[in-house]
Amino acid sequence: MRNELLNRAIFLINYARRLAESGYLDISREVVKLGLTYSSKGRVRLPLEVKRSFCRKCYVPLIIGKTETRRIRRGYIVRTCNLCGWKRKYPVRNLRGKIP
């Protein structure tokens, strides 16, 4: 049951991203909220890449150049929502030796 709810929540959030790419931001916002409701009711944790794929304030899927701006500032990646102004900083990891 939990696995089904997790898969459904991930599917809805990915579907919301496709809707946002097509220009349906209001509908995609509601679909993200529905996916988050599924994950909270089933008490399942969303993967990190799914959690970081939408704005935590206005629930719009973050698409670089359309709904999101990314900057690198002093060792951090700063992600900014273009619709509501929400900002989040993530530290840049040292990738030395990991890339062939």
PDB file of N, CA and C in Angstrom:
ATOM      1  N   MET A   1       0.819  -1.198   0.000  1.00  0.00           N
ATOM      2  CA  MET A   1       0.000   0.000   0.000  1.00  0.00           C
ATOM      3  C   MET A   1       0.867   1.268   0.000  1.00  0.00           C
ATOM      4  N   ARG A   2       1.890   1.259   0.883  1.00  0.00           N
ATOM      5  CA  ARG A   2       2.756   2.431   0.946  1.00  0.00           C
ATOM      6  C   ARG A   2       3.521   2.636  -0.352  1.00  0.00           C
ATOM      7  N   ASN A   3       3.978   1.537  -0.941  1.00  0.00           N
ATOM      8  CA  ASN A   3       4.728   1.621  -2.186  1.00  0.00           C
ATOM      9  C   ASN A   3       3.852   2.185  -3.303  1.00  0.00           C
ATOM     10  N   GLU A   4       2.590   1.795  -3.328  1.00  0.00           N
ATOM     11  CA  GLU A   4       1.665   2.317  -4.337  1.00  0.00           C
ATOM     12  C   GLU A   4       1.452   3.818  -4.154  1.00  0.00           C
ATOM     13  N   LEU A   5       1.303   4.263  -2.902  1.00  0.00           N
ATOM     14  CA  LEU A   5       1.121   5.690  -2.648  1.00  0.00           C
ATOM     15  C   LEU A   5       2.367   6.484  -3.022  1.00  0.00           C
ATOM     16  N   LEU A   6       3.532   5.928  -2.734  1.00  0.00           N
ATOM     17  CA  LEU A   6       4.771   6.605  -3.102  1.00  0.00           C
ATOM     18  C   LEU A   6       4.886   6.727  -4.616  1.00  0.00           C
ATOM     19  N   ASN A   7       4.602   5.646  -5.334  1.00  0.00           N
ATOM     20  CA  ASN A   7       4.665   5.686  -6.799  1.00  0.00           C
ATOM     21  C   ASN A   7       3.656   6.668  -7.369  1.00  0.00           C
ATOM     22  N   ARG A   8       2.476   6.721  -6.788  1.00  0.00           N
ATOM     23  CA  ARG A   8       1.447   7.646  -7.262  1.00  0.00           C
ATOM     24  C   ARG A   8       1.855   9.096  -7.007  1.00  0.00           C
ATOM     25  N   ALA A   9       2.431   9.367  -5.835  1.00  0.00           N
ATOM     26  CA  ALA A   9       2.872  10.721  -5.513  1.00  0.00           C
ATOM     27  C   ALA A   9       3.991  11.163  -6.452  1.00  0.00           C
ATOM     28  N   ILE A  10       4.955  10.278  -6.709  1.00  0.00           N
ATOM     29  CA  ILE A  10       6.052  10.610  -7.624  1.00  0.00           C
ATOM     30  C   ILE A  10       5.520  10.833  -9.032  1.00  0.00           C
ATOM     31  N   PHE A  11       4.585   9.987  -9.468  1.00  0.00           N
ATOM     32  CA  PHE A  11       3.995  10.153 -10.795  1.00  0.00           C
ATOM     33  C   PHE A  11       3.296  11.506 -10.912  1.00  0.00           C
ATOM     34  N   LEU A  12       2.529  11.889  -9.892  1.00  0.00           N
ATOM     35  CA  LEU A  12       1.804  13.158  -9.945  1.00  0.00           C
ATOM     36  C   LEU A  12       2.757  14.348  -9.992  1.00  0.00           C
ATOM     37  N   ILE A  13       3.829  14.302  -9.225  1.00  0.00           N
ATOM     38  CA  ILE A  13       4.770  15.421  -9.224  1.00  0.00           C
ATOM     39  C   ILE A  13       5.506  15.505 -10.564  1.00  0.00           C
ATOM     40  N   ASN A  14       5.839  14.366 -11.160  1.00  0.00           N
ATOM     41  CA  ASN A  14       6.454  14.376 -12.495  1.00  0.00           C
ATOM     42  C   ASN A  14       5.470  14.863 -13.554  1.00  0.00           C
ATOM     43  N   TYR A  15       4.202  14.481 -13.413  1.00  0.00           N
ATOM     44  CA  TYR A  15       3.168  14.947 -14.340  1.00  0.00           C
ATOM     45  C   TYR A  15       2.983  16.460 -14.214  1.00  0.00           C
ATOM     46  N   ALA A  16       3.073  16.972 -12.997  1.00  0.00           N
ATOM     47  CA  ALA A  16       2.957  18.415 -12.780  1.00  0.00           C
ATOM     48  C   ALA A  16       4.095  19.150 -13.478  1.00  0.00           C
ATOM     49  N   ARG A  17       5.269  18.545 -13.505  1.00  0.00           N
ATOM     50  CA  ARG A  17       6.399  19.163 -14.205  1.00  0.00           C
ATOM     51  C   ARG A  17       6.116  19.270 -15.704  1.00  0.00           C
ATOM     52  N   ARG A  18       5.551  18.209 -16.279  1.00  0.00           N
ATOM     53  CA  ARG A  18       5.206  18.256 -17.706  1.00  0.00           C
ATOM     54  C   ARG A  18       4.126  19.303 -17.979  1.00  0.00           C
ATOM     55  N   LEU A  19       3.170  19.437 -17.061  1.00  0.00           N
ATOM     56  CA  LEU A  19       2.139  20.463 -17.221  1.00  0.00           C
ATOM     57  C   LEU A  19       2.750  21.864 -17.169  1.00  0.00           C
ATOM     58  N   ALA A  20       3.689  22.074 -16.251  1.00  0.00           N
ATOM     59  CA  ALA A  20       4.328  23.382 -16.125  1.00  0.00           C
ATOM     60  C   ALA A  20       5.159  23.708 -17.364  1.00  0.00           C
ATOM     61  N   GLU A  21       5.805  22.706 -17.942  1.00  0.00           N
ATOM     62  CA  GLU A  21       6.567  22.935 -19.168  1.00  0.00           C
ATOM     63  C   GLU A  21       5.656  23.330 -20.316  1.00  0.00           C
ATOM     64  N   SER A  22       4.406  22.852 -20.289  1.00  0.00           N
ATOM     65  CA  SER A  22       3.433  23.203 -21.325  1.00  0.00           C
ATOM     66  C   SER A  22       2.764  24.542 -21.064  1.00  0.00           C
ATOM     67  N   GLY A  23       2.977  25.123 -19.876  1.00  0.00           N
ATOM     68  CA  GLY A  23       2.423  26.436 -19.583  1.00  0.00           C
ATOM     69  C   GLY A  23       1.237  26.439 -18.639  1.00  0.00           C
ATOM     70  N   TYR A  24       0.840  25.295 -18.133  1.00  0.00           N
ATOM     71  CA  TYR A  24      -0.308  25.211 -17.232  1.00  0.00           C
ATOM     72  C   TYR A  24       0.172  25.257 -15.779  1.00  0.00           C
ATOM     73  N   LEU A  25       0.589  26.445 -15.329  1.00  0.00           N
ATOM     74  CA  LEU A  25       1.183  26.564 -14.000  1.00  0.00           C
ATOM     75  C   LEU A  25       0.161  26.381 -12.885  1.00  0.00           C
ATOM     76  N   ASP A  26      -1.060  26.885 -13.069  1.00  0.00           N
ATOM     77  CA  ASP A  26      -2.074  26.758 -12.015  1.00  0.00           C
ATOM     78  C   ASP A  26      -2.479  25.306 -11.805  1.00  0.00           C
ATOM     79  N   ILE A  27      -2.652  24.576 -12.895  1.00  0.00           N
ATOM     80  CA  ILE A  27      -3.031  23.164 -12.780  1.00  0.00           C
ATOM     81  C   ILE A  27      -1.871  22.368 -12.185  1.00  0.00           C
ATOM     82  N   SER A  28      -0.640  22.675 -12.600  1.00  0.00           N
ATOM     83  CA  SER A  28       0.510  21.936 -12.082  1.00  0.00           C
ATOM     84  C   SER A  28       0.687  22.170 -10.585  1.00  0.00           C
ATOM     85  N   ARG A  29       0.367  23.365 -10.121  1.00  0.00           N
ATOM     86  CA  ARG A  29       0.441  23.665  -8.689  1.00  0.00           C
ATOM     87  C   ARG A  29      -0.509  22.769  -7.899  1.00  0.00           C
ATOM     88  N   GLU A  30      -1.726  22.593  -8.403  1.00  0.00           N
ATOM     89  CA  GLU A  30      -2.707  21.747  -7.716  1.00  0.00           C
ATOM     90  C   GLU A  30      -2.304  20.270  -7.758  1.00  0.00           C
ATOM     91  N   VAL A  31      -1.691  19.846  -8.857  1.00  0.00           N
ATOM     92  CA  VAL A  31      -1.259  18.450  -8.974  1.00  0.00           C
ATOM     93  C   VAL A  31      -0.113  18.164  -7.997  1.00  0.00           C
ATOM     94  N   VAL A  32       0.798  19.122  -7.808  1.00  0.00           N
ATOM     95  CA  VAL A  32       1.875  18.949  -6.824  1.00  0.00           C
ATOM     96  C   VAL A  32       1.283  18.832  -5.424  1.00  0.00           C
ATOM     97  N   LYS A  33       0.310  19.680  -5.109  1.00  0.00           N
ATOM     98  CA  LYS A  33      -0.332  19.605  -3.792  1.00  0.00           C
ATOM     99  C   LYS A  33      -0.998  18.252  -3.585  1.00  0.00           C
ATOM    100  N   LEU A  34      -1.612  17.711  -4.636  1.00  0.00           N
ATOM    101  CA  LEU A  34      -2.249  16.400  -4.536  1.00  0.00           C
ATOM    102  C   LEU A  34      -1.207  15.304  -4.292  1.00  0.00           C
ATOM    103  N   GLY A  35      -0.082  15.375  -4.986  1.00  0.00           N
ATOM    104  CA  GLY A  35       0.987  14.402  -4.774  1.00  0.00           C
ATOM    105  C   GLY A  35       1.551  14.469  -3.363  1.00  0.00           C
ATOM    106  N   LEU A  36       1.691  15.676  -2.827  1.00  0.00           N
ATOM    107  CA  LEU A  36       2.169  15.817  -1.453  1.00  0.00           C
ATOM    108  C   LEU A  36       1.148  15.299  -0.453  1.00  0.00           C
ATOM    109  N   THR A  37      -0.126  15.454  -0.769  1.00  0.00           N
ATOM    110  CA  THR A  37      -1.170  14.913   0.102  1.00  0.00           C
ATOM    111  C   THR A  37      -1.092  13.395   0.139  1.00  0.00           C
ATOM    112  N   TYR A  38      -0.882  12.767  -1.010  1.00  0.00           N
ATOM    113  CA  TYR A  38      -0.743  11.307  -1.052  1.00  0.00           C
ATOM    114  C   TYR A  38       0.436  10.848  -0.195  1.00  0.00           C
ATOM    115  N   SER A  39       1.556  11.542  -0.305  1.00  0.00           N
ATOM    116  CA  SER A  39       2.732  11.110   0.450  1.00  0.00           C
ATOM    117  C   SER A  39       2.554  11.334   1.950  1.00  0.00           C
ATOM    118  N   SER A  40       1.858  12.391   2.336  1.00  0.00           N
ATOM    119  CA  SER A  40       1.683  12.636   3.770  1.00  0.00           C
ATOM    120  C   SER A  40       0.631  11.715   4.374  1.00  0.00           C
ATOM    121  N   LYS A  41      -0.432  11.428   3.643  1.00  0.00           N
ATOM    122  CA  LYS A  41      -1.470  10.531   4.165  1.00  0.00           C
ATOM    123  C   LYS A  41      -0.953   9.104   4.299  1.00  0.00           C
ATOM    124  N   GLY A  42      -0.103   8.688   3.368  1.00  0.00           N
ATOM    125  CA  GLY A  42       0.464   7.345   3.432  1.00  0.00           C
ATOM    126  C   GLY A  42       1.715   7.269   4.286  1.00  0.00           C
ATOM    127  N   ARG A  43       2.147   8.428   4.803  1.00  0.00           N
ATOM    128  CA  ARG A  43       3.349   8.533   5.632  1.00  0.00           C
ATOM    129  C   ARG A  43       4.566   7.917   4.952  1.00  0.00           C
ATOM    130  N   VAL A  44       4.775   8.317   3.703  1.00  0.00           N
ATOM    131  CA  VAL A  44       5.943   7.867   2.950  1.00  0.00           C
ATOM    132  C   VAL A  44       6.831   9.072   2.667  1.00  0.00           C
ATOM    133  N   ARG A  45       8.126   8.834   2.604  1.00  0.00           N
ATOM    134  CA  ARG A  45       9.074   9.904   2.314  1.00  0.00           C
ATOM    135  C   ARG A  45       9.345   9.959   0.822  1.00  0.00           C
ATOM    136  N   LEU A  46       9.294  11.157   0.294  1.00  0.00           N
ATOM    137  CA  LEU A  46       9.631  11.349  -1.111  1.00  0.00           C
ATOM    138  C   LEU A  46      11.148  11.375  -1.266  1.00  0.00           C
ATOM    139  N   PRO A  47      11.666  10.882  -2.393  1.00  0.00           N
ATOM    140  CA  PRO A  47      13.112  10.969  -2.635  1.00  0.00           C
ATOM    141  C   PRO A  47      13.567  12.427  -2.711  1.00  0.00           C
ATOM    142  N   LEU A  48      14.837  12.661  -2.434  1.00  0.00           N
ATOM    143  CA  LEU A  48      15.380  14.010  -2.369  1.00  0.00           C
ATOM    144  C   LEU A  48      15.210  14.763  -3.682  1.00  0.00           C
ATOM    145  N   GLU A  49      15.438  14.095  -4.816  1.00  0.00           N
ATOM    146  CA  GLU A  49      15.317  14.797  -6.104  1.00  0.00           C
ATOM    147  C   GLU A  49      13.874  15.194  -6.389  1.00  0.00           C
ATOM    148  N   VAL A  50      12.915  14.460  -5.853  1.00  0.00           N
ATOM    149  CA  VAL A  50      11.504  14.826  -6.026  1.00  0.00           C
ATOM    150  C   VAL A  50      11.159  15.986  -5.103  1.00  0.00           C
ATOM    151  N   LYS A  51      11.666  15.960  -3.874  1.00  0.00           N
ATOM    152  CA  LYS A  51      11.384  17.035  -2.923  1.00  0.00           C
ATOM    153  C   LYS A  51      11.949  18.370  -3.395  1.00  0.00           C
ATOM    154  N   ARG A  52      13.073  18.313  -4.090  1.00  0.00           N
ATOM    155  CA  ARG A  52      13.710  19.545  -4.556  1.00  0.00           C
ATOM    156  C   ARG A  52      13.202  20.000  -5.920  1.00  0.00           C
ATOM    157  N   SER A  53      12.214  19.331  -6.476  1.00  0.00           N
ATOM    158  CA  SER A  53      11.765  19.656  -7.831  1.00  0.00           C
ATOM    159  C   SER A  53      10.627  20.665  -7.876  1.00  0.00           C
ATOM    160  N   PHE A  54      10.150  21.136  -6.719  1.00  0.00           N
ATOM    161  CA  PHE A  54       9.075  22.126  -6.710  1.00  0.00           C
ATOM    162  C   PHE A  54       9.346  23.165  -5.631  1.00  0.00           C
ATOM    163  N   CYS A  55       8.696  24.324  -5.758  1.00  0.00           N
ATOM    164  CA  CYS A  55       8.841  25.416  -4.800  1.00  0.00           C
ATOM    165  C   CYS A  55       8.085  25.069  -3.520  1.00  0.00           C
ATOM    166  N   ARG A  56       8.715  25.254  -2.383  1.00  0.00           N
ATOM    167  CA  ARG A  56       8.086  24.919  -1.109  1.00  0.00           C
ATOM    168  C   ARG A  56       7.057  25.957  -0.685  1.00  0.00           C
ATOM    169  N   LYS A  57       7.088  27.135  -1.304  1.00  0.00           N
ATOM    170  CA  LYS A  57       6.157  28.193  -0.911  1.00  0.00           C
ATOM    171  C   LYS A  57       4.913  28.224  -1.792  1.00  0.00           C
ATOM    172  N   CYS A  58       5.089  28.149  -3.115  1.00  0.00           N
ATOM    173  CA  CYS A  58       3.928  28.259  -4.013  1.00  0.00           C
ATOM    174  C   CYS A  58       3.627  26.964  -4.764  1.00  0.00           C
ATOM    175  N   TYR A  59       4.418  25.896  -4.543  1.00  0.00           N
ATOM    176  CA  TYR A  59       4.181  24.551  -5.076  1.00  0.00           C
ATOM    177  C   TYR A  59       4.243  24.445  -6.599  1.00  0.00           C
ATOM    178  N   VAL A  60       4.911  25.360  -7.260  1.00  0.00           N
ATOM    179  CA  VAL A  60       5.077  25.285  -8.712  1.00  0.00           C
ATOM    180  C   VAL A  60       6.326  24.456  -9.009  1.00  0.00           C
ATOM    181  N   PRO A  61       6.278  23.541  -9.970  1.00  0.00           N
ATOM    182  CA  PRO A  61       7.488  22.794 -10.335  1.00  0.00           C
ATOM    183  C   PRO A  61       8.581  23.742 -10.822  1.00  0.00           C
ATOM    184  N   LEU A  62       9.796  23.530 -10.359  1.00  0.00           N
ATOM    185  CA  LEU A  62      10.911  24.405 -10.703  1.00  0.00           C
ATOM    186  C   LEU A  62      11.575  23.925 -11.982  1.00  0.00           C
ATOM    187  N   ILE A  63      11.517  24.774 -13.006  1.00  0.00           N
ATOM    188  CA  ILE A  63      12.112  24.494 -14.306  1.00  0.00           C
ATOM    189  C   ILE A  63      13.098  25.624 -14.588  1.00  0.00           C
ATOM    190  N   ILE A  64      14.350  25.265 -14.801  1.00  0.00           N
ATOM    191  CA  ILE A  64      15.391  26.269 -14.994  1.00  0.00           C
ATOM    192  C   ILE A  64      15.065  27.125 -16.214  1.00  0.00           C
ATOM    193  N   GLY A  65      15.092  28.434 -16.036  1.00  0.00           N
ATOM    194  CA  GLY A  65      14.826  29.364 -17.117  1.00  0.00           C
ATOM    195  C   GLY A  65      13.372  29.754 -17.247  1.00  0.00           C
ATOM    196  N   LYS A  66      12.478  28.986 -16.681  1.00  0.00           N
ATOM    197  CA  LYS A  66      11.055  29.301 -16.777  1.00  0.00           C
ATOM    198  C   LYS A  66      10.481  29.701 -15.419  1.00  0.00           C
ATOM    199  N   THR A  67      10.613  28.843 -14.445  1.00  0.00           N
ATOM    200  CA  THR A  67      10.091  29.149 -13.115  1.00  0.00           C
ATOM    201  C   THR A  67      11.196  29.211 -12.067  1.00  0.00           C
ATOM    202  N   GLU A  68      12.438  28.971 -12.467  1.00  0.00           N
ATOM    203  CA  GLU A  68      13.537  28.944 -11.503  1.00  0.00           C
ATOM    204  C   GLU A  68      14.782  29.601 -12.076  1.00  0.00           C
ATOM    205  N   THR A  69      15.533  30.278 -11.200  1.00  0.00           N
ATOM    206  CA  THR A  69      16.834  30.832 -11.536  1.00  0.00           C
ATOM    207  C   THR A  69      17.856  30.192 -10.610  1.00  0.00           C
ATOM    208  N   ARG A  70      18.973  29.732 -11.172  1.00  0.00           N
ATOM    209  CA  ARG A  70      20.040  29.138 -10.363  1.00  0.00           C
ATOM    210  C   ARG A  70      21.296  29.979 -10.499  1.00  0.00           C
ATOM    211  N   ARG A  71      21.934  30.233  -9.359  1.00  0.00           N
ATOM    212  CA  ARG A  71      23.190  30.970  -9.313  1.00  0.00           C
ATOM    213  C   ARG A  71      24.153  30.232  -8.398  1.00  0.00           C
ATOM    214  N   ILE A  72      25.431  30.372  -8.656  1.00  0.00           N
ATOM    215  CA  ILE A  72      26.442  29.828  -7.757  1.00  0.00           C
ATOM    216  C   ILE A  72      27.085  31.008  -7.048  1.00  0.00           C
ATOM    217  N   ARG A  73      26.946  31.025  -5.722  1.00  0.00           N
ATOM    218  CA  ARG A  73      27.462  32.121  -4.908  1.00  0.00           C
ATOM    219  C   ARG A  73      28.221  31.565  -3.714  1.00  0.00           C
ATOM    220  N   ARG A  74      29.523  31.843  -3.648  1.00  0.00           N
ATOM    221  CA  ARG A  74      30.352  31.516  -2.491  1.00  0.00           C
ATOM    222  C   ARG A  74      30.187  30.085  -2.003  1.00  0.00           C
ATOM    223  N   GLY A  75      30.272  29.156  -2.904  1.00  0.00           N
ATOM    224  CA  GLY A  75      30.215  27.757  -2.520  1.00  0.00           C
ATOM    225  C   GLY A  75      28.817  27.205  -2.348  1.00  0.00           C
ATOM    226  N   TYR A  76      27.803  27.959  -2.742  1.00  0.00           N
ATOM    227  CA  TYR A  76      26.420  27.508  -2.637  1.00  0.00           C
ATOM    228  C   TYR A  76      25.711  27.658  -3.971  1.00  0.00           C
ATOM    229  N   ILE A  77      24.796  26.757  -4.251  1.00  0.00           N
ATOM    230  CA  ILE A  77      23.883  26.923  -5.375  1.00  0.00           C
ATOM    231  C   ILE A  77      22.633  27.571  -4.805  1.00  0.00           C
ATOM    232  N   VAL A  78      22.282  28.747  -5.319  1.00  0.00           N
ATOM    233  CA  VAL A  78      21.108  29.469  -4.840  1.00  0.00           C
ATOM    234  C   VAL A  78      20.005  29.286  -5.869  1.00  0.00           C
ATOM    235  N   ARG A  79      18.917  28.657  -5.450  1.00  0.00           N
ATOM    236  CA  ARG A  79      17.765  28.427  -6.322  1.00  0.00           C
ATOM    237  C   ARG A  79      16.677  29.421  -5.932  1.00  0.00           C
ATOM    238  N   THR A  80      16.153  30.155  -6.927  1.00  0.00           N
ATOM    239  CA  THR A  80      15.140  31.167  -6.676  1.00  0.00           C
ATOM    240  C   THR A  80      13.927  30.895  -7.544  1.00  0.00           C
ATOM    241  N   CYS A  81      12.745  30.869  -6.926  1.00  0.00           N
ATOM    242  CA  CYS A  81      11.500  30.727  -7.670  1.00  0.00           C
ATOM    243  C   CYS A  81      11.183  32.067  -8.321  1.00  0.00           C
ATOM    244  N   ASN A  82      10.934  32.071  -9.619  1.00  0.00           N
ATOM    245  CA  ASN A  82      10.645  33.313 -10.330  1.00  0.00           C
ATOM    246  C   ASN A  82       9.240  33.829 -10.066  1.00  0.00           C
ATOM    247  N   LEU A  83       8.358  33.011  -9.519  1.00  0.00           N
ATOM    248  CA  LEU A  83       6.980  33.431  -9.291  1.00  0.00           C
ATOM    249  C   LEU A  83       6.777  34.064  -7.919  1.00  0.00           C
ATOM    250  N   CYS A  84       7.344  33.466  -6.868  1.00  0.00           N
ATOM    251  CA  CYS A  84       7.087  33.976  -5.515  1.00  0.00           C
ATOM    252  C   CYS A  84       8.334  34.527  -4.834  1.00  0.00           C
ATOM    253  N   GLY A  85       9.523  34.262  -5.374  1.00  0.00           N
ATOM    254  CA  GLY A  85      10.750  34.778  -4.785  1.00  0.00           C
ATOM    255  C   GLY A  85      11.376  33.888  -3.725  1.00  0.00           C
ATOM    256  N   TRP A  86      10.853  32.684  -3.527  1.00  0.00           N
ATOM    257  CA  TRP A  86      11.394  31.750  -2.536  1.00  0.00           C
ATOM    258  C   TRP A  86      12.822  31.392  -2.914  1.00  0.00           C
ATOM    259  N   LYS A  87      13.730  31.398  -1.928  1.00  0.00           N
ATOM    260  CA  LYS A  87      15.136  31.082  -2.183  1.00  0.00           C
ATOM    261  C   LYS A  87      15.569  29.932  -1.298  1.00  0.00           C
ATOM    262  N   ARG A  88      16.463  29.121  -1.835  1.00  0.00           N
ATOM    263  CA  ARG A  88      17.024  28.014  -1.073  1.00  0.00           C
ATOM    264  C   ARG A  88      18.476  27.852  -1.479  1.00  0.00           C
ATOM    265  N   LYS A  89      19.361  27.657  -0.488  1.00  0.00           N
ATOM    266  CA  LYS A  89      20.784  27.474  -0.751  1.00  0.00           C
ATOM    267  C   LYS A  89      21.173  26.027  -0.482  1.00  0.00           C
ATOM    268  N   TYR A  90      21.921  25.460  -1.408  1.00  0.00           N
ATOM    269  CA  TYR A  90      22.462  24.114  -1.253  1.00  0.00           C
ATOM    270  C   TYR A  90      23.973  24.204  -1.410  1.00  0.00           C
ATOM    271  N   PRO A  91      24.746  23.602  -0.501  1.00  0.00           N
ATOM    272  CA  PRO A  91      26.207  23.666  -0.639  1.00  0.00           C
ATOM    273  C   PRO A  91      26.679  22.885  -1.859  1.00  0.00           C
ATOM    274  N   VAL A  92      27.694  23.430  -2.529  1.00  0.00           N
ATOM    275  CA  VAL A  92      28.298  22.758  -3.673  1.00  0.00           C
ATOM    276  C   VAL A  92      29.278  21.742  -3.122  1.00  0.00           C
ATOM    277  N   ARG A  93      29.144  20.511  -3.550  1.00  0.00           N
ATOM    278  CA  ARG A  93      30.034  19.455  -3.075  1.00  0.00           C
ATOM    279  C   ARG A  93      31.322  19.461  -3.872  1.00  0.00           C
ATOM    280  N   ASN A  94      32.377  19.024  -3.241  1.00  0.00           N
ATOM    281  CA  ASN A  94      33.665  18.908  -3.909  1.00  0.00           C
ATOM    282  C   ASN A  94      33.644  17.639  -4.749  1.00  0.00           C
ATOM    283  N   LEU A  95      33.704  17.792  -6.048  1.00  0.00           N
ATOM    284  CA  LEU A  95      33.618  16.655  -6.956  1.00  0.00           C
ATOM    285  C   LEU A  95      34.985  16.200  -7.445  1.00  0.00           C
ATOM    286  N   ARG A  96      36.050  16.656  -6.808  1.00  0.00           N
ATOM    287  CA  ARG A  96      37.393  16.312  -7.242  1.00  0.00           C
ATOM    288  C   ARG A  96      37.606  14.805  -7.120  1.00  0.00           C
ATOM    289  N   GLY A  97      38.036  14.192  -8.192  1.00  0.00           N
ATOM    290  CA  GLY A  97      38.299  12.764  -8.181  1.00  0.00           C
ATOM    291  C   GLY A  97      37.086  11.912  -8.516  1.00  0.00           C
ATOM    292  N   LYS A  98      35.913  12.494  -8.589  1.00  0.00           N
ATOM    293  CA  LYS A  98      34.708  11.718  -8.870  1.00  0.00           C
ATOM    294  C   LYS A  98      34.364  11.709 -10.351  1.00  0.00           C
ATOM    295  N   ILE A  99      34.854  12.702 -11.092  1.00  0.00           N
ATOM    296  CA  ILE A  99      34.556  12.787 -12.518  1.00  0.00           C
ATOM    297  C   ILE A  99      35.768  12.266 -13.286  1.00  0.00           C
ATOM    298  N   PRO A 100      35.599  11.293 -14.157  1.00  0.00           N
ATOM    299  CA  PRO A 100      36.749  10.741 -14.892  1.00  0.00           C
ATOM    300  C   PRO A 100      37.312  11.711 -15.903  1.00  0.00           C
TER     301      PRO A 100
END
